[in-house]
Every structure is written in structure tokens, then in C-alpha cells.
Amino acid sequence: MKVYLVHHADALPAEKDPQRHISPMGREQSDRVGVRLKALGAAPVCILHSDKQWTIDTAIHVAAKLGASDKVAQTTYPINTDDPIAPFMADIAACKGDIMMCGHVDYLLRAASQLVCGNEKNKVFEFKPGNGTMVCIEGEGSNWAITYGWRQDHLPG
């Protein structure tokens, strides 16, 4: 099983757009992530996101490039900075295929750490330079490893 953790794309500032849709740069970032994942054969059966517009937009754009627009769903639990990751871990355990989470950096970092080393406080990956960055973690049960990571500067715009 593969777990794809995608740090949301660049969003418009709240002064310009109170809902904070992704910016033109964010659309490019999301599209590049989707194109890269498609080239790597990614086929998540579920693409989750938070209730924030910029994660929704990111998930929709990535899913469109994967041909998986029907797989996008909002989590039934919050995934902000300090929210518990246990519900996401339960979703991973229950999933009948690969899963993707388009979310917020601190939540994703803790999820990656929990999977790879069993402790969400031990950082195992860094989303640098930031928006539109992703990591693929592969395994099952308590045996997980980072398979690859991808940054926006890994492919030309």
C-alpha cells in the first residue's frame, strides 16, 4: 500500500480572496504534482483533503491529472496543525488501496513520522521548499518506509 502526503499548493492571501482558493502558481504546483504522480503510476483509491479551500483546490487539481476526480473526498475529521492523526491512521488501515491526503504541513509531517517510526514527534521528512511538495510512503501494518519525495523544483515548470 502507498500513502501519498501532499502539502497543499500556494493560496491567495485572505485580503484578496477570503476563501483562499489556490493562486495561479498554486494551480501550476498542483498540476505538476498530479502529472508527476501519474508518470509514477500513482492510483489512489481515495484522495482526502481538509475543509480549507486551498486543500480542496489542490486535491481537485491533482485528482484531475490522475484521472481520479471521482476519488476526492473531505475528511470527516479535522486535520489542522494540532489535530490528532489517529483518525487518518485508521483510514489508512481500513483503505482497500492506496490513499492520498492533501493537507497542512504539520499534520502531514506528524502522519509521516507516525507511519515510518511509530512516533509522530520524530520528524522523518521535511516539506521543503513547501507548497506543492509531496512524499510517498509505502508499507503495511507497522512496516513503512519513504519510497520517494518530490519538490516543485524537481521538474521544469
N, C-alpha and C. Protein backbone atom coordinates (compact mmCIF):
# COMPACT_ATOMS: atom_id res chain seq x y z
N MET A 1 0.84 -1.17 0.00
CA MET A 1 0.00 0.00 0.00
C MET A 1 0.89 1.24 0.00
N LYS A 2 0.40 2.27 -0.69
CA LYS A 2 1.11 3.54 -0.72
C LYS A 2 0.25 4.63 -0.11
N VAL A 3 0.91 5.50 0.65
CA VAL A 3 0.27 6.68 1.23
C VAL A 3 0.98 7.89 0.64
N TYR A 4 0.22 8.72 -0.05
CA TYR A 4 0.76 9.95 -0.65
C TYR A 4 0.36 11.12 0.22
N LEU A 5 1.34 11.86 0.71
CA LEU A 5 1.09 13.05 1.51
C LEU A 5 1.47 14.26 0.68
N VAL A 6 0.50 15.10 0.39
CA VAL A 6 0.71 16.27 -0.48
C VAL A 6 0.46 17.55 0.31
N HIS A 7 1.51 18.35 0.43
CA HIS A 7 1.36 19.67 1.06
C HIS A 7 0.61 20.56 0.07
N HIS A 8 -0.48 21.15 0.53
CA HIS A 8 -1.33 21.98 -0.34
C HIS A 8 -0.51 23.00 -1.15
N ALA A 9 -1.09 23.40 -2.25
CA ALA A 9 -0.45 24.37 -3.13
C ALA A 9 -0.61 25.79 -2.60
N ASP A 10 0.10 26.70 -3.22
CA ASP A 10 0.08 28.12 -2.86
C ASP A 10 -1.33 28.69 -2.96
N ALA A 11 -1.75 29.42 -1.93
CA ALA A 11 -3.09 30.01 -1.89
C ALA A 11 -3.03 31.53 -2.00
N LEU A 12 -4.12 32.08 -2.44
CA LEU A 12 -4.23 33.54 -2.49
C LEU A 12 -4.30 34.08 -1.06
N PRO A 13 -3.81 35.31 -0.85
CA PRO A 13 -3.91 35.89 0.50
C PRO A 13 -5.37 36.18 0.86
N ALA A 14 -5.69 36.13 2.14
CA ALA A 14 -7.06 36.34 2.62
C ALA A 14 -7.60 37.70 2.22
N GLU A 15 -6.74 38.72 2.12
CA GLU A 15 -7.19 40.06 1.73
C GLU A 15 -7.72 40.07 0.30
N LYS A 16 -7.15 39.23 -0.52
CA LYS A 16 -7.53 39.16 -1.93
C LYS A 16 -8.69 38.19 -2.15
N ASP A 17 -8.72 37.12 -1.38
CA ASP A 17 -9.75 36.08 -1.51
C ASP A 17 -9.99 35.48 -0.12
N PRO A 18 -11.07 35.88 0.55
CA PRO A 18 -11.33 35.38 1.91
C PRO A 18 -11.42 33.85 2.01
N GLN A 19 -11.85 33.18 0.94
CA GLN A 19 -11.90 31.72 0.95
C GLN A 19 -10.54 31.09 0.74
N ARG A 20 -9.62 31.86 0.17
CA ARG A 20 -8.24 31.42 -0.07
C ARG A 20 -8.15 30.26 -1.06
N HIS A 21 -8.72 30.46 -2.23
CA HIS A 21 -8.51 29.50 -3.32
C HIS A 21 -7.02 29.46 -3.67
N ILE A 22 -6.60 28.43 -4.36
CA ILE A 22 -5.20 28.41 -4.76
C ILE A 22 -4.97 29.48 -5.83
N SER A 23 -3.77 29.98 -5.85
CA SER A 23 -3.37 31.03 -6.77
C SER A 23 -3.04 30.42 -8.13
N PRO A 24 -2.80 31.26 -9.15
CA PRO A 24 -2.33 30.71 -10.43
C PRO A 24 -1.07 29.84 -10.23
N MET A 25 -0.16 30.29 -9.36
CA MET A 25 1.04 29.48 -9.08
C MET A 25 0.62 28.17 -8.42
N GLY A 26 -0.37 28.22 -7.53
CA GLY A 26 -0.87 27.01 -6.87
C GLY A 26 -1.48 26.03 -7.84
N ARG A 27 -2.17 26.55 -8.85
CA ARG A 27 -2.73 25.65 -9.88
C ARG A 27 -1.60 24.94 -10.62
N GLU A 28 -0.55 25.69 -10.96
CA GLU A 28 0.61 25.09 -11.63
C GLU A 28 1.27 24.05 -10.72
N GLN A 29 1.42 24.38 -9.44
CA GLN A 29 2.03 23.43 -8.50
C GLN A 29 1.22 22.14 -8.41
N SER A 30 -0.09 22.29 -8.25
CA SER A 30 -0.97 21.12 -8.14
C SER A 30 -0.93 20.28 -9.41
N ASP A 31 -0.97 20.95 -10.54
CA ASP A 31 -0.93 20.22 -11.81
C ASP A 31 0.38 19.46 -11.97
N ARG A 32 1.50 20.08 -11.57
CA ARG A 32 2.80 19.39 -11.66
C ARG A 32 2.84 18.16 -10.76
N VAL A 33 2.29 18.28 -9.55
CA VAL A 33 2.25 17.12 -8.65
C VAL A 33 1.44 16.00 -9.31
N GLY A 34 0.28 16.34 -9.85
CA GLY A 34 -0.56 15.33 -10.50
C GLY A 34 0.12 14.68 -11.68
N VAL A 35 0.76 15.48 -12.52
CA VAL A 35 1.46 14.95 -13.69
C VAL A 35 2.60 14.02 -13.25
N ARG A 36 3.34 14.43 -12.24
CA ARG A 36 4.46 13.62 -11.75
C ARG A 36 3.95 12.29 -11.17
N LEU A 37 2.91 12.37 -10.37
CA LEU A 37 2.36 11.15 -9.78
C LEU A 37 1.80 10.22 -10.85
N LYS A 38 1.16 10.76 -11.85
CA LYS A 38 0.65 9.93 -12.94
C LYS A 38 1.79 9.21 -13.65
N ALA A 39 2.89 9.95 -13.90
CA ALA A 39 4.06 9.35 -14.55
C ALA A 39 4.65 8.22 -13.71
N LEU A 40 4.47 8.31 -12.39
CA LEU A 40 4.99 7.28 -11.49
C LEU A 40 3.99 6.15 -11.25
N GLY A 41 2.84 6.25 -11.89
CA GLY A 41 1.85 5.18 -11.78
C GLY A 41 0.95 5.26 -10.56
N ALA A 42 0.88 6.40 -9.92
CA ALA A 42 0.03 6.55 -8.74
C ALA A 42 -1.43 6.34 -9.11
N ALA A 43 -2.13 5.59 -8.26
CA ALA A 43 -3.56 5.33 -8.49
C ALA A 43 -4.28 5.22 -7.15
N PRO A 44 -4.35 6.33 -6.41
CA PRO A 44 -5.03 6.27 -5.12
C PRO A 44 -6.51 5.98 -5.28
N VAL A 45 -7.05 5.19 -4.35
CA VAL A 45 -8.48 4.90 -4.38
C VAL A 45 -9.26 5.96 -3.63
N CYS A 46 -8.53 6.80 -2.88
CA CYS A 46 -9.16 7.88 -2.13
C CYS A 46 -8.18 9.04 -2.04
N ILE A 47 -8.68 10.25 -2.32
CA ILE A 47 -7.86 11.46 -2.22
C ILE A 47 -8.57 12.37 -1.22
N LEU A 48 -8.03 12.44 -0.01
CA LEU A 48 -8.64 13.19 1.07
C LEU A 48 -8.10 14.62 1.14
N HIS A 49 -8.90 15.51 1.72
CA HIS A 49 -8.48 16.89 1.95
C HIS A 49 -9.23 17.43 3.16
N SER A 50 -8.77 18.55 3.68
CA SER A 50 -9.44 19.20 4.81
C SER A 50 -10.61 20.04 4.31
N ASP A 51 -11.19 20.81 5.21
CA ASP A 51 -12.30 21.68 4.83
C ASP A 51 -11.82 23.05 4.33
N LYS A 52 -10.53 23.25 4.26
CA LYS A 52 -9.98 24.53 3.78
C LYS A 52 -9.95 24.54 2.26
N GLN A 53 -10.32 25.68 1.69
CA GLN A 53 -10.47 25.77 0.24
C GLN A 53 -9.18 25.43 -0.51
N TRP A 54 -8.03 25.84 0.03
CA TRP A 54 -6.77 25.60 -0.69
C TRP A 54 -6.42 24.12 -0.72
N THR A 55 -6.84 23.33 0.28
CA THR A 55 -6.60 21.88 0.19
C THR A 55 -7.60 21.23 -0.76
N ILE A 56 -8.82 21.75 -0.77
CA ILE A 56 -9.84 21.25 -1.70
C ILE A 56 -9.36 21.46 -3.14
N ASP A 57 -8.94 22.70 -3.44
CA ASP A 57 -8.46 23.02 -4.79
C ASP A 57 -7.26 22.16 -5.17
N THR A 58 -6.32 21.98 -4.24
CA THR A 58 -5.14 21.15 -4.51
C THR A 58 -5.56 19.73 -4.86
N ALA A 59 -6.43 19.15 -4.04
CA ALA A 59 -6.88 17.77 -4.27
C ALA A 59 -7.59 17.64 -5.62
N ILE A 60 -8.43 18.60 -5.95
CA ILE A 60 -9.17 18.56 -7.22
C ILE A 60 -8.22 18.62 -8.41
N HIS A 61 -7.23 19.49 -8.34
CA HIS A 61 -6.28 19.62 -9.46
C HIS A 61 -5.41 18.37 -9.60
N VAL A 62 -4.91 17.85 -8.49
CA VAL A 62 -4.09 16.64 -8.55
C VAL A 62 -4.92 15.48 -9.09
N ALA A 63 -6.12 15.34 -8.56
CA ALA A 63 -7.01 14.25 -8.99
C ALA A 63 -7.32 14.33 -10.48
N ALA A 64 -7.53 15.53 -10.99
CA ALA A 64 -7.83 15.69 -12.42
C ALA A 64 -6.68 15.16 -13.27
N LYS A 65 -5.46 15.45 -12.88
CA LYS A 65 -4.30 14.97 -13.64
C LYS A 65 -4.13 13.46 -13.54
N LEU A 66 -4.62 12.88 -12.44
CA LEU A 66 -4.54 11.43 -12.25
C LEU A 66 -5.72 10.70 -12.89
N GLY A 67 -6.70 11.46 -13.38
CA GLY A 67 -7.91 10.83 -13.89
C GLY A 67 -8.72 10.21 -12.77
N ALA A 68 -8.66 10.84 -11.59
CA ALA A 68 -9.30 10.29 -10.40
C ALA A 68 -10.22 11.30 -9.73
N SER A 69 -10.87 12.13 -10.51
CA SER A 69 -11.72 13.18 -9.93
C SER A 69 -12.83 12.62 -9.06
N ASP A 70 -13.26 11.41 -9.32
CA ASP A 70 -14.33 10.79 -8.53
C ASP A 70 -13.83 10.23 -7.20
N LYS A 71 -12.54 10.34 -6.93
CA LYS A 71 -11.95 9.77 -5.71
C LYS A 71 -11.74 10.82 -4.61
N VAL A 72 -12.07 12.09 -4.89
CA VAL A 72 -11.81 13.20 -3.96
C VAL A 72 -12.89 13.26 -2.89
N ALA A 73 -12.45 13.39 -1.61
CA ALA A 73 -13.40 13.47 -0.50
C ALA A 73 -12.82 14.29 0.65
N GLN A 74 -13.68 15.01 1.32
CA GLN A 74 -13.27 15.76 2.52
C GLN A 74 -13.21 14.79 3.69
N THR A 75 -12.22 14.96 4.55
CA THR A 75 -12.15 14.12 5.74
C THR A 75 -13.35 14.39 6.64
N THR A 76 -13.71 13.43 7.44
CA THR A 76 -14.79 13.59 8.41
C THR A 76 -14.25 14.08 9.74
N TYR A 77 -12.96 14.37 9.78
CA TYR A 77 -12.27 14.82 10.99
C TYR A 77 -11.35 15.98 10.62
N PRO A 78 -11.03 16.83 11.60
CA PRO A 78 -10.14 17.96 11.30
C PRO A 78 -8.69 17.49 11.13
N ILE A 79 -7.96 18.18 10.24
CA ILE A 79 -6.54 17.83 10.00
C ILE A 79 -5.66 19.07 10.07
N ASN A 80 -5.94 19.91 11.02
CA ASN A 80 -5.13 21.12 11.19
C ASN A 80 -3.90 20.81 12.04
N THR A 81 -3.10 21.80 12.30
CA THR A 81 -1.79 21.64 12.93
C THR A 81 -1.77 20.70 14.13
N ASP A 82 -2.62 20.90 15.11
CA ASP A 82 -2.56 20.12 16.34
C ASP A 82 -3.62 19.04 16.45
N ASP A 83 -4.35 18.79 15.39
CA ASP A 83 -5.40 17.78 15.44
C ASP A 83 -4.80 16.38 15.51
N PRO A 84 -5.49 15.46 16.17
CA PRO A 84 -4.98 14.09 16.27
C PRO A 84 -4.90 13.41 14.91
N ILE A 85 -3.84 12.63 14.72
CA ILE A 85 -3.66 11.91 13.45
C ILE A 85 -4.28 10.51 13.49
N ALA A 86 -4.75 10.09 14.66
CA ALA A 86 -5.33 8.74 14.79
C ALA A 86 -6.45 8.46 13.78
N PRO A 87 -7.35 9.42 13.52
CA PRO A 87 -8.39 9.11 12.52
C PRO A 87 -7.82 8.84 11.13
N PHE A 88 -6.77 9.56 10.76
CA PHE A 88 -6.14 9.32 9.46
C PHE A 88 -5.45 7.96 9.45
N MET A 89 -4.79 7.61 10.54
CA MET A 89 -4.15 6.30 10.63
C MET A 89 -5.20 5.19 10.49
N ALA A 90 -6.38 5.41 11.06
CA ALA A 90 -7.47 4.43 10.93
C ALA A 90 -7.96 4.35 9.49
N ASP A 91 -8.04 5.49 8.80
CA ASP A 91 -8.42 5.49 7.38
C ASP A 91 -7.40 4.70 6.55
N ILE A 92 -6.13 4.89 6.85
CA ILE A 92 -5.08 4.16 6.13
C ILE A 92 -5.25 2.65 6.35
N ALA A 93 -5.43 2.27 7.60
CA ALA A 93 -5.57 0.84 7.92
C ALA A 93 -6.80 0.22 7.27
N ALA A 94 -7.86 1.00 7.13
CA ALA A 94 -9.11 0.48 6.56
C ALA A 94 -9.17 0.56 5.04
N CYS A 95 -8.28 1.31 4.44
CA CYS A 95 -8.33 1.55 3.00
C CYS A 95 -8.00 0.28 2.22
N LYS A 96 -8.71 0.06 1.16
CA LYS A 96 -8.52 -1.11 0.30
C LYS A 96 -7.67 -0.77 -0.93
N GLY A 97 -6.70 0.09 -0.73
CA GLY A 97 -5.82 0.50 -1.81
C GLY A 97 -4.99 1.69 -1.36
N ASP A 98 -4.34 2.33 -2.30
CA ASP A 98 -3.50 3.49 -1.99
C ASP A 98 -4.37 4.68 -1.62
N ILE A 99 -3.84 5.54 -0.76
CA ILE A 99 -4.58 6.69 -0.25
C ILE A 99 -3.72 7.95 -0.34
N MET A 100 -4.35 9.09 -0.58
CA MET A 100 -3.65 10.37 -0.65
C MET A 100 -4.31 11.35 0.30
N MET A 101 -3.50 12.17 0.95
CA MET A 101 -4.01 13.25 1.79
C MET A 101 -3.38 14.55 1.29
N CYS A 102 -4.22 15.48 0.86
CA CYS A 102 -3.79 16.83 0.51
C CYS A 102 -4.10 17.69 1.73
N GLY A 103 -3.07 18.10 2.42
CA GLY A 103 -3.33 18.77 3.69
C GLY A 103 -2.30 19.80 4.09
N HIS A 104 -2.25 19.97 5.40
CA HIS A 104 -1.44 21.02 6.01
C HIS A 104 -0.14 20.43 6.54
N VAL A 105 0.92 21.20 6.43
CA VAL A 105 2.27 20.70 6.62
C VAL A 105 2.49 20.00 7.96
N ASP A 106 2.12 20.61 9.07
CA ASP A 106 2.41 19.99 10.37
C ASP A 106 1.66 18.67 10.55
N TYR A 107 0.43 18.61 10.11
CA TYR A 107 -0.35 17.38 10.20
C TYR A 107 0.30 16.28 9.36
N LEU A 108 0.69 16.63 8.14
CA LEU A 108 1.31 15.66 7.25
C LEU A 108 2.65 15.18 7.79
N LEU A 109 3.44 16.08 8.36
CA LEU A 109 4.73 15.69 8.95
C LEU A 109 4.53 14.69 10.08
N ARG A 110 3.54 14.95 10.92
CA ARG A 110 3.27 14.03 12.04
C ARG A 110 2.76 12.68 11.54
N ALA A 111 1.92 12.71 10.50
CA ALA A 111 1.43 11.44 9.93
C ALA A 111 2.59 10.62 9.35
N ALA A 112 3.48 11.28 8.62
CA ALA A 112 4.64 10.58 8.06
C ALA A 112 5.49 9.97 9.16
N SER A 113 5.73 10.73 10.20
CA SER A 113 6.55 10.24 11.32
C SER A 113 5.91 9.06 12.02
N GLN A 114 4.60 9.11 12.21
CA GLN A 114 3.90 8.01 12.85
C GLN A 114 4.01 6.73 12.02
N LEU A 115 3.84 6.86 10.72
CA LEU A 115 3.94 5.69 9.86
C LEU A 115 5.35 5.11 9.85
N VAL A 116 6.34 5.96 9.64
CA VAL A 116 7.71 5.48 9.42
C VAL A 116 8.39 5.01 10.70
N CYS A 117 8.20 5.73 11.80
CA CYS A 117 8.93 5.33 13.02
C CYS A 117 8.04 5.11 14.23
N GLY A 118 6.73 5.19 14.05
CA GLY A 118 5.83 4.90 15.15
C GLY A 118 5.72 5.99 16.20
N ASN A 119 6.27 7.16 15.89
CA ASN A 119 6.23 8.28 16.83
C ASN A 119 6.06 9.56 16.04
N GLU A 120 4.91 10.18 16.18
CA GLU A 120 4.62 11.38 15.39
C GLU A 120 5.52 12.56 15.71
N LYS A 121 6.27 12.49 16.81
CA LYS A 121 7.14 13.61 17.21
C LYS A 121 8.54 13.52 16.61
N ASN A 122 8.89 12.39 16.02
CA ASN A 122 10.21 12.23 15.40
C ASN A 122 10.11 12.53 13.91
N LYS A 123 10.55 13.69 13.52
CA LYS A 123 10.42 14.12 12.13
C LYS A 123 11.27 13.25 11.21
N VAL A 124 10.63 12.71 10.15
CA VAL A 124 11.32 11.84 9.21
C VAL A 124 11.39 12.45 7.81
N PHE A 125 10.73 13.56 7.61
CA PHE A 125 10.66 14.18 6.29
C PHE A 125 10.40 15.66 6.46
N GLU A 126 10.84 16.45 5.52
CA GLU A 126 10.57 17.89 5.56
C GLU A 126 9.99 18.31 4.23
N PHE A 127 8.89 19.03 4.28
CA PHE A 127 8.28 19.56 3.06
C PHE A 127 8.98 20.86 2.70
N LYS A 128 10.07 20.74 1.97
CA LYS A 128 10.84 21.91 1.53
C LYS A 128 10.93 21.87 0.03
N PRO A 129 10.78 22.91 -0.67
CA PRO A 129 10.63 24.26 -0.17
C PRO A 129 9.24 24.58 0.35
N GLY A 130 8.26 23.70 0.20
CA GLY A 130 6.95 23.97 0.79
C GLY A 130 5.81 23.56 -0.11
N ASN A 131 4.96 24.52 -0.42
CA ASN A 131 3.72 24.26 -1.15
C ASN A 131 3.92 23.40 -2.38
N GLY A 132 3.02 22.42 -2.54
CA GLY A 132 3.09 21.55 -3.71
C GLY A 132 4.16 20.49 -3.63
N THR A 133 4.64 20.21 -2.44
CA THR A 133 5.64 19.18 -2.21
C THR A 133 4.92 17.91 -1.77
N MET A 134 5.45 16.74 -2.08
CA MET A 134 4.79 15.51 -1.68
C MET A 134 5.79 14.43 -1.32
N VAL A 135 5.29 13.44 -0.58
CA VAL A 135 6.10 12.28 -0.22
C VAL A 135 5.22 11.04 -0.38
N CYS A 136 5.84 9.95 -0.81
CA CYS A 136 5.16 8.66 -0.93
C CYS A 136 5.77 7.73 0.11
N ILE A 137 4.91 7.15 0.92
CA ILE A 137 5.32 6.20 1.95
C ILE A 137 4.66 4.87 1.62
N GLU A 138 5.44 3.81 1.66
CA GLU A 138 4.90 2.51 1.25
C GLU A 138 5.09 1.49 2.36
N GLY A 139 4.09 0.64 2.54
CA GLY A 139 4.20 -0.42 3.53
C GLY A 139 2.86 -0.96 3.95
N GLU A 140 2.85 -1.54 5.15
CA GLU A 140 1.62 -2.05 5.74
C GLU A 140 1.87 -2.31 7.21
N GLY A 141 0.78 -2.36 7.97
CA GLY A 141 0.90 -2.61 9.41
C GLY A 141 1.82 -1.62 10.08
N SER A 142 2.89 -2.13 10.67
CA SER A 142 3.86 -1.25 11.33
C SER A 142 5.18 -1.17 10.56
N ASN A 143 5.16 -1.59 9.30
CA ASN A 143 6.38 -1.61 8.48
C ASN A 143 6.22 -0.66 7.29
N TRP A 144 6.68 0.56 7.45
CA TRP A 144 6.55 1.61 6.43
C TRP A 144 7.91 2.23 6.14
N ALA A 145 8.08 2.67 4.90
CA ALA A 145 9.31 3.36 4.51
C ALA A 145 8.98 4.43 3.48
N ILE A 146 9.75 5.49 3.50
CA ILE A 146 9.60 6.53 2.49
C ILE A 146 10.15 5.99 1.18
N THR A 147 9.30 5.98 0.15
CA THR A 147 9.70 5.48 -1.15
C THR A 147 10.33 6.58 -1.98
N TYR A 148 9.70 7.75 -1.99
CA TYR A 148 10.27 8.91 -2.68
C TYR A 148 9.57 10.18 -2.22
N GLY A 149 10.23 11.28 -2.47
CA GLY A 149 9.65 12.59 -2.24
C GLY A 149 9.81 13.40 -3.51
N TRP A 150 9.01 14.44 -3.63
CA TRP A 150 9.08 15.27 -4.83
C TRP A 150 8.84 16.73 -4.45
N ARG A 151 9.67 17.61 -5.03
CA ARG A 151 9.56 19.05 -4.80
C ARG A 151 9.28 19.74 -6.12
N GLN A 152 8.76 20.93 -6.03
CA GLN A 152 8.42 21.71 -7.22
C GLN A 152 9.62 21.95 -8.12
N ASP A 153 10.80 22.04 -7.55
CA ASP A 153 11.99 22.31 -8.37
C ASP A 153 12.60 21.04 -8.98
N HIS A 154 11.95 19.91 -8.82
CA HIS A 154 12.44 18.67 -9.43
C HIS A 154 12.08 18.53 -10.91
N LEU A 155 11.10 19.27 -11.35
CA LEU A 155 10.73 19.26 -12.77
C LEU A 155 10.57 20.70 -13.25
N PRO A 156 10.86 20.94 -14.50
CA PRO A 156 10.65 22.30 -15.01
C PRO A 156 9.16 22.67 -14.96
N GLY A 157 8.90 23.98 -14.82
CA GLY A 157 7.53 24.49 -14.75
C GLY A 157 6.83 24.30 -16.03
